[in-house]
């Protein structure tokens, strides 16, 4: 076979995709980890939508997360760790524990989100911080030569 032109460094422009090839690729399942900004962001989004002023079982919050993000798995421990971190951040910002209250209820551990106008803006700011951490993590990953980070 004869080549149309000699080989040189660099990639020629790609052809149009072949009709019938998938445009959207499935993503592998993710196991949520404590302290991971991608996990924490998803937890924050669901927690920010909980009914305010009433205790919600952490087990139910975990189930809601697993139903909302089918390609992720959230354990109760990871959700609890994220809620403890949120409660600590609330305490640091407002010097009270009423904003995000963790407690033991008759059916297991619960979380209660304060029913006040200061909660929504706080969640938004916290989400923006987590998005920044996610982007920083992705940027760091893209700079590595190898997945092990030794490049």
N, C-alpha and C. Protein backbone atom coordinates (compact mmCIF):
# COMPACT_ATOMS: atom_id res chain seq x y z
N UNK A 1 0.85 -1.18 0.00
CA UNK A 1 0.00 0.00 0.00
C UNK A 1 0.89 1.24 0.00
N UNK A 2 0.53 2.22 -0.79
CA UNK A 2 1.31 3.44 -0.89
C UNK A 2 0.65 4.53 -0.05
N UNK A 3 1.45 5.27 0.65
CA UNK A 3 0.92 6.37 1.45
C UNK A 3 0.81 7.61 0.59
N UNK A 4 -0.19 8.43 0.86
CA UNK A 4 -0.41 9.65 0.11
C UNK A 4 0.63 10.71 0.40
N UNK A 5 1.22 10.69 1.58
CA UNK A 5 2.24 11.67 1.92
C UNK A 5 3.15 11.05 2.96
N UNK A 6 4.37 11.55 3.09
CA UNK A 6 5.29 10.96 4.06
C UNK A 6 4.82 11.23 5.50
N UNK A 7 5.21 10.36 6.38
CA UNK A 7 4.84 10.48 7.79
C UNK A 7 5.60 11.64 8.42
N UNK A 8 4.93 12.37 9.31
CA UNK A 8 5.54 13.49 10.04
C UNK A 8 4.85 13.59 11.40
N UNK A 9 5.51 14.21 12.37
CA UNK A 9 4.87 14.36 13.68
C UNK A 9 3.58 15.17 13.57
N UNK A 10 2.65 14.86 14.43
CA UNK A 10 1.37 15.58 14.46
C UNK A 10 0.27 14.74 13.84
N UNK A 11 -0.93 14.98 14.27
CA UNK A 11 -2.08 14.22 13.81
C UNK A 11 -2.88 15.05 12.82
N UNK A 12 -3.22 14.45 11.70
CA UNK A 12 -4.07 15.12 10.72
C UNK A 12 -5.44 15.35 11.34
N UNK A 13 -6.23 16.27 10.78
CA UNK A 13 -7.60 16.44 11.26
C UNK A 13 -8.37 15.13 11.16
N UNK A 14 -9.23 14.89 12.12
CA UNK A 14 -10.02 13.66 12.12
C UNK A 14 -11.16 13.74 11.12
N UNK A 15 -11.54 12.59 10.62
CA UNK A 15 -12.71 12.50 9.74
C UNK A 15 -13.97 12.62 10.58
N UNK A 16 -15.07 12.82 9.93
CA UNK A 16 -16.37 12.83 10.63
C UNK A 16 -16.60 11.45 11.24
N UNK A 17 -17.26 11.37 12.39
CA UNK A 17 -17.54 10.05 12.97
C UNK A 17 -18.39 9.20 12.02
N UNK A 18 -18.15 7.92 12.08
CA UNK A 18 -18.91 6.97 11.26
C UNK A 18 -20.35 6.95 11.77
N UNK A 19 -21.33 7.06 10.89
CA UNK A 19 -22.72 6.99 11.35
C UNK A 19 -22.98 5.68 12.10
N UNK A 20 -23.68 5.81 13.20
CA UNK A 20 -24.00 4.65 14.02
C UNK A 20 -23.09 4.47 15.22
N UNK A 21 -21.93 5.13 15.23
CA UNK A 21 -21.07 5.05 16.42
C UNK A 21 -21.73 5.82 17.56
N UNK A 22 -21.58 5.35 18.79
CA UNK A 22 -22.20 6.06 19.90
C UNK A 22 -21.60 7.46 20.09
N UNK A 23 -22.46 8.42 20.34
CA UNK A 23 -22.00 9.80 20.58
C UNK A 23 -21.75 10.03 22.06
N UNK A 24 -22.45 9.29 22.90
CA UNK A 24 -22.32 9.44 24.34
C UNK A 24 -21.81 8.11 24.90
N UNK A 25 -20.68 8.15 25.58
CA UNK A 25 -20.09 6.93 26.09
C UNK A 25 -20.53 6.67 27.52
N UNK A 26 -20.83 5.42 27.86
CA UNK A 26 -21.14 5.10 29.25
C UNK A 26 -19.91 5.40 30.13
N UNK A 27 -20.16 5.81 31.35
CA UNK A 27 -19.07 6.06 32.27
C UNK A 27 -19.00 4.91 33.27
N UNK A 28 -17.82 4.59 33.75
CA UNK A 28 -17.72 3.51 34.73
C UNK A 28 -18.34 3.94 36.05
N UNK A 29 -18.79 2.98 36.82
CA UNK A 29 -19.36 3.33 38.12
C UNK A 29 -18.30 3.94 39.03
N UNK A 30 -18.74 4.83 39.89
CA UNK A 30 -17.86 5.49 40.84
C UNK A 30 -18.27 5.08 42.25
N UNK A 31 -17.31 4.80 43.08
CA UNK A 31 -17.57 4.54 44.49
C UNK A 31 -17.21 5.81 45.24
N UNK A 32 -18.20 6.43 45.86
CA UNK A 32 -17.98 7.68 46.58
C UNK A 32 -17.00 7.44 47.73
N UNK A 33 -16.11 8.41 47.92
CA UNK A 33 -15.12 8.33 48.99
C UNK A 33 -15.24 9.56 49.87
N UNK A 34 -14.96 9.38 51.14
CA UNK A 34 -14.98 10.50 52.09
C UNK A 34 -13.91 11.52 51.72
N UNK A 35 -14.29 12.80 51.74
CA UNK A 35 -13.35 13.86 51.46
C UNK A 35 -13.12 14.13 49.99
N UNK A 36 -13.68 13.32 49.10
CA UNK A 36 -13.54 13.53 47.66
C UNK A 36 -14.49 14.65 47.24
N UNK A 37 -14.00 15.71 46.58
CA UNK A 37 -14.88 16.82 46.24
C UNK A 37 -16.01 16.44 45.28
N UNK A 38 -15.78 15.46 44.41
CA UNK A 38 -16.82 15.02 43.48
C UNK A 38 -17.96 14.35 44.25
N UNK A 39 -17.62 13.54 45.24
CA UNK A 39 -18.64 12.91 46.10
C UNK A 39 -19.33 13.96 46.96
N UNK A 40 -18.52 14.82 47.59
CA UNK A 40 -19.08 15.83 48.50
C UNK A 40 -20.03 16.77 47.78
N UNK A 41 -19.72 17.11 46.53
CA UNK A 41 -20.59 18.00 45.77
C UNK A 41 -21.95 17.36 45.52
N UNK A 42 -21.96 16.10 45.15
CA UNK A 42 -23.23 15.40 44.92
C UNK A 42 -24.03 15.29 46.21
N UNK A 43 -23.35 15.02 47.31
CA UNK A 43 -24.03 14.93 48.60
C UNK A 43 -24.62 16.29 48.97
N UNK A 44 -23.84 17.35 48.79
CA UNK A 44 -24.32 18.70 49.11
C UNK A 44 -25.56 19.05 48.29
N UNK A 45 -25.56 18.71 47.00
CA UNK A 45 -26.71 19.04 46.14
C UNK A 45 -27.98 18.37 46.67
N UNK A 46 -27.90 17.10 47.04
CA UNK A 46 -29.08 16.41 47.56
C UNK A 46 -29.47 16.95 48.93
N UNK A 47 -28.49 17.17 49.81
CA UNK A 47 -28.79 17.67 51.15
C UNK A 47 -29.41 19.06 51.08
N UNK A 48 -28.97 19.88 50.14
CA UNK A 48 -29.53 21.23 50.02
C UNK A 48 -31.00 21.22 49.61
N UNK A 49 -31.47 20.10 49.09
CA UNK A 49 -32.86 19.99 48.66
C UNK A 49 -33.76 19.30 49.68
N UNK A 50 -33.19 18.93 50.83
CA UNK A 50 -34.00 18.28 51.87
C UNK A 50 -35.01 19.27 52.46
N UNK A 51 -36.11 18.73 52.93
CA UNK A 51 -37.11 19.55 53.63
C UNK A 51 -36.44 20.17 54.86
N UNK A 52 -36.68 21.43 55.08
CA UNK A 52 -36.01 22.16 56.15
C UNK A 52 -36.78 22.06 57.47
N UNK A 53 -36.02 22.02 58.55
CA UNK A 53 -36.60 22.06 59.88
C UNK A 53 -37.06 20.72 60.43
N UNK A 54 -37.05 19.67 59.64
CA UNK A 54 -37.48 18.35 60.09
C UNK A 54 -36.33 17.36 59.96
N UNK A 55 -36.17 16.48 60.96
CA UNK A 55 -35.09 15.49 60.86
C UNK A 55 -35.33 14.52 59.69
N UNK A 56 -34.26 14.22 58.98
CA UNK A 56 -34.30 13.25 57.88
C UNK A 56 -33.29 12.15 58.22
N UNK A 57 -33.71 10.91 58.04
CA UNK A 57 -32.79 9.80 58.32
C UNK A 57 -31.62 9.82 57.33
N UNK A 58 -30.42 9.66 57.84
CA UNK A 58 -29.24 9.63 56.97
C UNK A 58 -29.31 8.43 56.02
N UNK A 59 -29.89 7.35 56.48
CA UNK A 59 -30.08 6.18 55.61
C UNK A 59 -30.95 6.55 54.41
N UNK A 60 -31.99 7.36 54.63
CA UNK A 60 -32.85 7.78 53.52
C UNK A 60 -32.12 8.74 52.58
N UNK A 61 -31.28 9.60 53.14
CA UNK A 61 -30.47 10.51 52.31
C UNK A 61 -29.53 9.68 51.43
N UNK A 62 -28.92 8.66 52.01
CA UNK A 62 -28.03 7.77 51.27
C UNK A 62 -28.79 7.08 50.13
N UNK A 63 -29.98 6.58 50.43
CA UNK A 63 -30.80 5.94 49.39
C UNK A 63 -31.15 6.93 48.28
N UNK A 64 -31.46 8.16 48.65
CA UNK A 64 -31.80 9.18 47.66
C UNK A 64 -30.60 9.46 46.75
N UNK A 65 -29.41 9.54 47.34
CA UNK A 65 -28.19 9.76 46.54
C UNK A 65 -27.97 8.62 45.55
N UNK A 66 -28.13 7.39 46.01
CA UNK A 66 -27.93 6.25 45.12
C UNK A 66 -28.99 6.18 44.03
N UNK A 67 -30.17 6.69 44.29
CA UNK A 67 -31.22 6.74 43.27
C UNK A 67 -30.99 7.89 42.29
N UNK A 68 -30.45 9.01 42.79
CA UNK A 68 -30.24 10.18 41.94
C UNK A 68 -29.02 10.01 41.03
N UNK A 69 -28.01 9.34 41.51
CA UNK A 69 -26.77 9.16 40.75
C UNK A 69 -26.54 7.66 40.54
N UNK A 70 -27.15 7.13 39.48
CA UNK A 70 -27.12 5.68 39.26
C UNK A 70 -25.73 5.13 38.95
N UNK A 71 -24.83 5.99 38.50
CA UNK A 71 -23.47 5.52 38.20
C UNK A 71 -22.52 5.72 39.39
N UNK A 72 -23.08 6.03 40.54
CA UNK A 72 -22.30 6.18 41.76
C UNK A 72 -22.85 5.25 42.83
N UNK A 73 -21.98 4.92 43.80
CA UNK A 73 -22.44 4.20 44.99
C UNK A 73 -22.01 5.01 46.22
N UNK A 74 -22.99 5.38 47.03
CA UNK A 74 -22.74 6.11 48.27
C UNK A 74 -23.04 5.19 49.44
N UNK A 75 -22.08 5.08 50.35
CA UNK A 75 -22.33 4.33 51.59
C UNK A 75 -22.79 5.31 52.67
N UNK A 76 -23.42 4.78 53.68
CA UNK A 76 -23.89 5.62 54.79
C UNK A 76 -22.71 6.31 55.48
N UNK A 77 -21.58 5.62 55.56
CA UNK A 77 -20.39 6.19 56.20
C UNK A 77 -19.90 7.42 55.43
N UNK A 78 -19.85 7.33 54.12
CA UNK A 78 -19.38 8.46 53.31
C UNK A 78 -20.35 9.64 53.43
N UNK A 79 -21.64 9.36 53.42
CA UNK A 79 -22.64 10.42 53.56
C UNK A 79 -22.52 11.05 54.95
N UNK A 80 -22.37 10.24 55.97
CA UNK A 80 -22.23 10.75 57.33
C UNK A 80 -20.96 11.60 57.45
N UNK A 81 -19.86 11.14 56.88
CA UNK A 81 -18.62 11.92 56.92
C UNK A 81 -18.81 13.29 56.27
N UNK A 82 -19.51 13.32 55.13
CA UNK A 82 -19.76 14.60 54.45
C UNK A 82 -20.66 15.50 55.29
N UNK A 83 -21.66 14.92 55.93
CA UNK A 83 -22.56 15.71 56.78
C UNK A 83 -21.82 16.26 58.00
N UNK A 84 -20.93 15.47 58.58
CA UNK A 84 -20.13 15.95 59.71
C UNK A 84 -19.26 17.13 59.26
N UNK A 85 -18.66 17.02 58.07
CA UNK A 85 -17.83 18.11 57.55
C UNK A 85 -18.67 19.35 57.28
N UNK A 86 -19.88 19.17 56.72
CA UNK A 86 -20.77 20.31 56.49
C UNK A 86 -21.16 20.97 57.81
N UNK A 87 -21.49 20.15 58.81
CA UNK A 87 -21.87 20.69 60.12
C UNK A 87 -20.70 21.46 60.75
N UNK A 88 -19.49 20.93 60.60
CA UNK A 88 -18.31 21.62 61.15
C UNK A 88 -18.07 22.95 60.42
N UNK A 89 -18.26 22.95 59.09
CA UNK A 89 -18.10 24.20 58.33
C UNK A 89 -19.15 25.22 58.73
N UNK A 90 -20.37 24.74 58.95
CA UNK A 90 -21.44 25.65 59.40
C UNK A 90 -21.06 26.25 60.75
N UNK A 91 -20.61 25.39 61.65
CA UNK A 91 -20.21 25.84 62.99
C UNK A 91 -19.09 26.88 62.90
N UNK A 92 -18.14 26.66 62.00
CA UNK A 92 -17.03 27.62 61.84
C UNK A 92 -17.54 28.95 61.29
N UNK A 93 -18.52 28.91 60.41
CA UNK A 93 -19.03 30.14 59.80
C UNK A 93 -20.01 30.89 60.69
N UNK A 94 -20.87 30.16 61.41
CA UNK A 94 -21.95 30.82 62.15
C UNK A 94 -21.87 30.67 63.67
N UNK A 95 -20.94 29.90 64.17
CA UNK A 95 -20.73 29.71 65.61
C UNK A 95 -21.95 29.15 66.33
N UNK A 96 -22.73 28.32 65.60
CA UNK A 96 -23.82 27.57 66.25
C UNK A 96 -24.00 26.25 65.52
N UNK A 97 -24.66 25.32 66.17
CA UNK A 97 -24.87 24.00 65.58
C UNK A 97 -26.26 23.84 64.97
N UNK A 98 -27.08 24.88 65.03
CA UNK A 98 -28.47 24.75 64.59
C UNK A 98 -28.61 24.61 63.08
N UNK A 99 -27.64 25.06 62.30
CA UNK A 99 -27.77 25.04 60.84
C UNK A 99 -27.85 23.65 60.25
N UNK A 100 -26.93 22.79 60.68
CA UNK A 100 -26.91 21.40 60.23
C UNK A 100 -26.74 20.56 61.49
N UNK A 101 -27.83 19.98 61.94
CA UNK A 101 -27.85 19.27 63.20
C UNK A 101 -27.88 17.77 62.95
N UNK A 102 -26.88 17.07 63.47
CA UNK A 102 -26.83 15.61 63.39
C UNK A 102 -27.26 15.06 64.74
N UNK A 103 -28.11 14.04 64.69
CA UNK A 103 -28.68 13.51 65.93
C UNK A 103 -29.02 12.04 65.73
N UNK A 104 -29.35 11.38 66.83
CA UNK A 104 -29.86 10.01 66.76
C UNK A 104 -31.36 10.06 66.94
N UNK A 105 -32.09 9.47 66.01
CA UNK A 105 -33.53 9.41 66.09
C UNK A 105 -33.98 7.99 66.42
N UNK A 106 -35.26 7.79 66.57
CA UNK A 106 -35.76 6.44 66.91
C UNK A 106 -35.51 5.42 65.80
N UNK A 107 -35.26 5.87 64.57
CA UNK A 107 -35.03 4.96 63.45
C UNK A 107 -33.62 5.07 62.89
N UNK A 108 -32.72 5.66 63.65
CA UNK A 108 -31.34 5.79 63.21
C UNK A 108 -30.88 7.24 63.20
N UNK A 109 -29.66 7.44 62.74
CA UNK A 109 -29.06 8.78 62.72
C UNK A 109 -29.84 9.69 61.77
N UNK A 110 -29.94 10.97 62.14
CA UNK A 110 -30.69 11.93 61.35
C UNK A 110 -29.88 13.20 61.11
N UNK A 111 -30.31 13.95 60.12
CA UNK A 111 -29.78 15.28 59.86
C UNK A 111 -30.97 16.22 59.74
N UNK A 112 -30.85 17.40 60.35
CA UNK A 112 -31.88 18.43 60.25
C UNK A 112 -31.22 19.69 59.72
N UNK A 113 -31.78 20.23 58.65
CA UNK A 113 -31.28 21.46 58.06
C UNK A 113 -32.14 22.61 58.55
N UNK A 114 -31.49 23.63 59.09
CA UNK A 114 -32.19 24.81 59.62
C UNK A 114 -33.11 25.42 58.56
N UNK A 115 -34.29 25.83 58.99
CA UNK A 115 -35.24 26.48 58.10
C UNK A 115 -35.11 27.99 58.26
N UNK A 116 -34.11 28.55 57.57
CA UNK A 116 -33.88 29.99 57.64
C UNK A 116 -33.35 30.47 56.29
N UNK A 117 -33.46 31.77 56.02
CA UNK A 117 -33.01 32.28 54.73
C UNK A 117 -31.49 32.27 54.54
N UNK A 118 -30.72 32.06 55.59
CA UNK A 118 -29.27 32.07 55.43
C UNK A 118 -28.72 30.73 54.92
N UNK A 119 -29.55 29.70 54.90
CA UNK A 119 -29.07 28.36 54.52
C UNK A 119 -28.77 28.26 53.02
N UNK A 120 -29.70 28.71 52.17
CA UNK A 120 -29.50 28.57 50.73
C UNK A 120 -28.22 29.26 50.23
N UNK A 121 -27.98 30.53 50.59
CA UNK A 121 -26.74 31.16 50.12
C UNK A 121 -25.49 30.43 50.64
N UNK A 122 -25.56 29.89 51.84
CA UNK A 122 -24.43 29.16 52.39
C UNK A 122 -24.15 27.90 51.57
N UNK A 123 -25.22 27.18 51.20
CA UNK A 123 -25.05 25.99 50.36
C UNK A 123 -24.46 26.37 49.00
N UNK A 124 -24.90 27.47 48.42
CA UNK A 124 -24.39 27.90 47.11
C UNK A 124 -22.89 28.19 47.21
N UNK A 125 -22.49 28.94 48.22
CA UNK A 125 -21.06 29.24 48.39
C UNK A 125 -20.24 27.97 48.61
N UNK A 126 -20.79 27.07 49.40
CA UNK A 126 -20.09 25.82 49.66
C UNK A 126 -19.97 24.99 48.38
N UNK A 127 -21.04 24.97 47.57
CA UNK A 127 -21.00 24.24 46.30
C UNK A 127 -19.96 24.84 45.36
N UNK A 128 -19.88 26.17 45.31
CA UNK A 128 -18.88 26.82 44.45
C UNK A 128 -17.47 26.44 44.88
N UNK A 129 -17.25 26.34 46.17
CA UNK A 129 -15.94 25.91 46.68
C UNK A 129 -15.63 24.49 46.24
N UNK A 130 -16.64 23.60 46.35
CA UNK A 130 -16.43 22.21 45.94
C UNK A 130 -16.20 22.10 44.44
N UNK A 131 -16.90 22.88 43.63
CA UNK A 131 -16.68 22.88 42.19
C UNK A 131 -15.24 23.30 41.89
N UNK A 132 -14.75 24.30 42.60
CA UNK A 132 -13.36 24.72 42.44
C UNK A 132 -12.39 23.61 42.78
N UNK A 133 -12.67 22.88 43.85
CA UNK A 133 -11.82 21.75 44.23
C UNK A 133 -11.87 20.64 43.18
N UNK A 134 -13.06 20.40 42.60
CA UNK A 134 -13.19 19.40 41.54
C UNK A 134 -12.36 19.81 40.33
N UNK A 135 -12.48 21.05 39.93
CA UNK A 135 -11.71 21.54 38.77
C UNK A 135 -10.21 21.47 39.02
N UNK A 136 -9.79 21.81 40.22
CA UNK A 136 -8.36 21.73 40.57
C UNK A 136 -7.88 20.28 40.50
N UNK A 137 -8.71 19.36 40.96
CA UNK A 137 -8.36 17.94 40.91
C UNK A 137 -8.24 17.46 39.46
N UNK A 138 -9.17 17.89 38.60
CA UNK A 138 -9.10 17.51 37.19
C UNK A 138 -7.88 18.12 36.51
N UNK A 139 -7.57 19.37 36.83
CA UNK A 139 -6.40 20.02 36.24
C UNK A 139 -5.12 19.30 36.68
N UNK A 140 -5.05 18.93 37.94
CA UNK A 140 -3.88 18.20 38.43
C UNK A 140 -3.75 16.86 37.72
N UNK A 141 -4.86 16.17 37.55
CA UNK A 141 -4.86 14.88 36.86
C UNK A 141 -4.37 15.04 35.42
N UNK A 142 -4.82 16.08 34.74
CA UNK A 142 -4.45 16.26 33.33
C UNK A 142 -2.98 16.63 33.16
N UNK A 143 -2.35 17.15 34.19
CA UNK A 143 -0.93 17.51 34.09
C UNK A 143 0.00 16.34 34.30
N UNK A 144 -0.50 15.26 34.81
CA UNK A 144 0.36 14.11 35.07
C UNK A 144 0.65 13.35 33.78
N UNK A 145 1.88 12.84 33.68
CA UNK A 145 2.25 11.99 32.54
C UNK A 145 1.62 10.61 32.66
N UNK A 146 1.52 10.16 33.89
CA UNK A 146 1.00 8.82 34.13
C UNK A 146 -0.02 8.87 35.24
N UNK A 147 -0.88 7.89 35.26
CA UNK A 147 -1.93 7.85 36.28
C UNK A 147 -1.33 7.72 37.67
N UNK A 148 -0.11 7.15 37.78
CA UNK A 148 0.53 7.00 39.08
C UNK A 148 1.11 8.31 39.58
N UNK A 149 1.19 9.31 38.71
CA UNK A 149 1.68 10.61 39.11
C UNK A 149 3.19 10.72 39.17
N UNK A 150 3.91 9.72 38.66
CA UNK A 150 5.37 9.78 38.75
C UNK A 150 6.01 10.24 37.45
N UNK A 151 5.29 11.03 36.67
CA UNK A 151 5.86 11.46 35.39
C UNK A 151 6.12 12.93 35.31
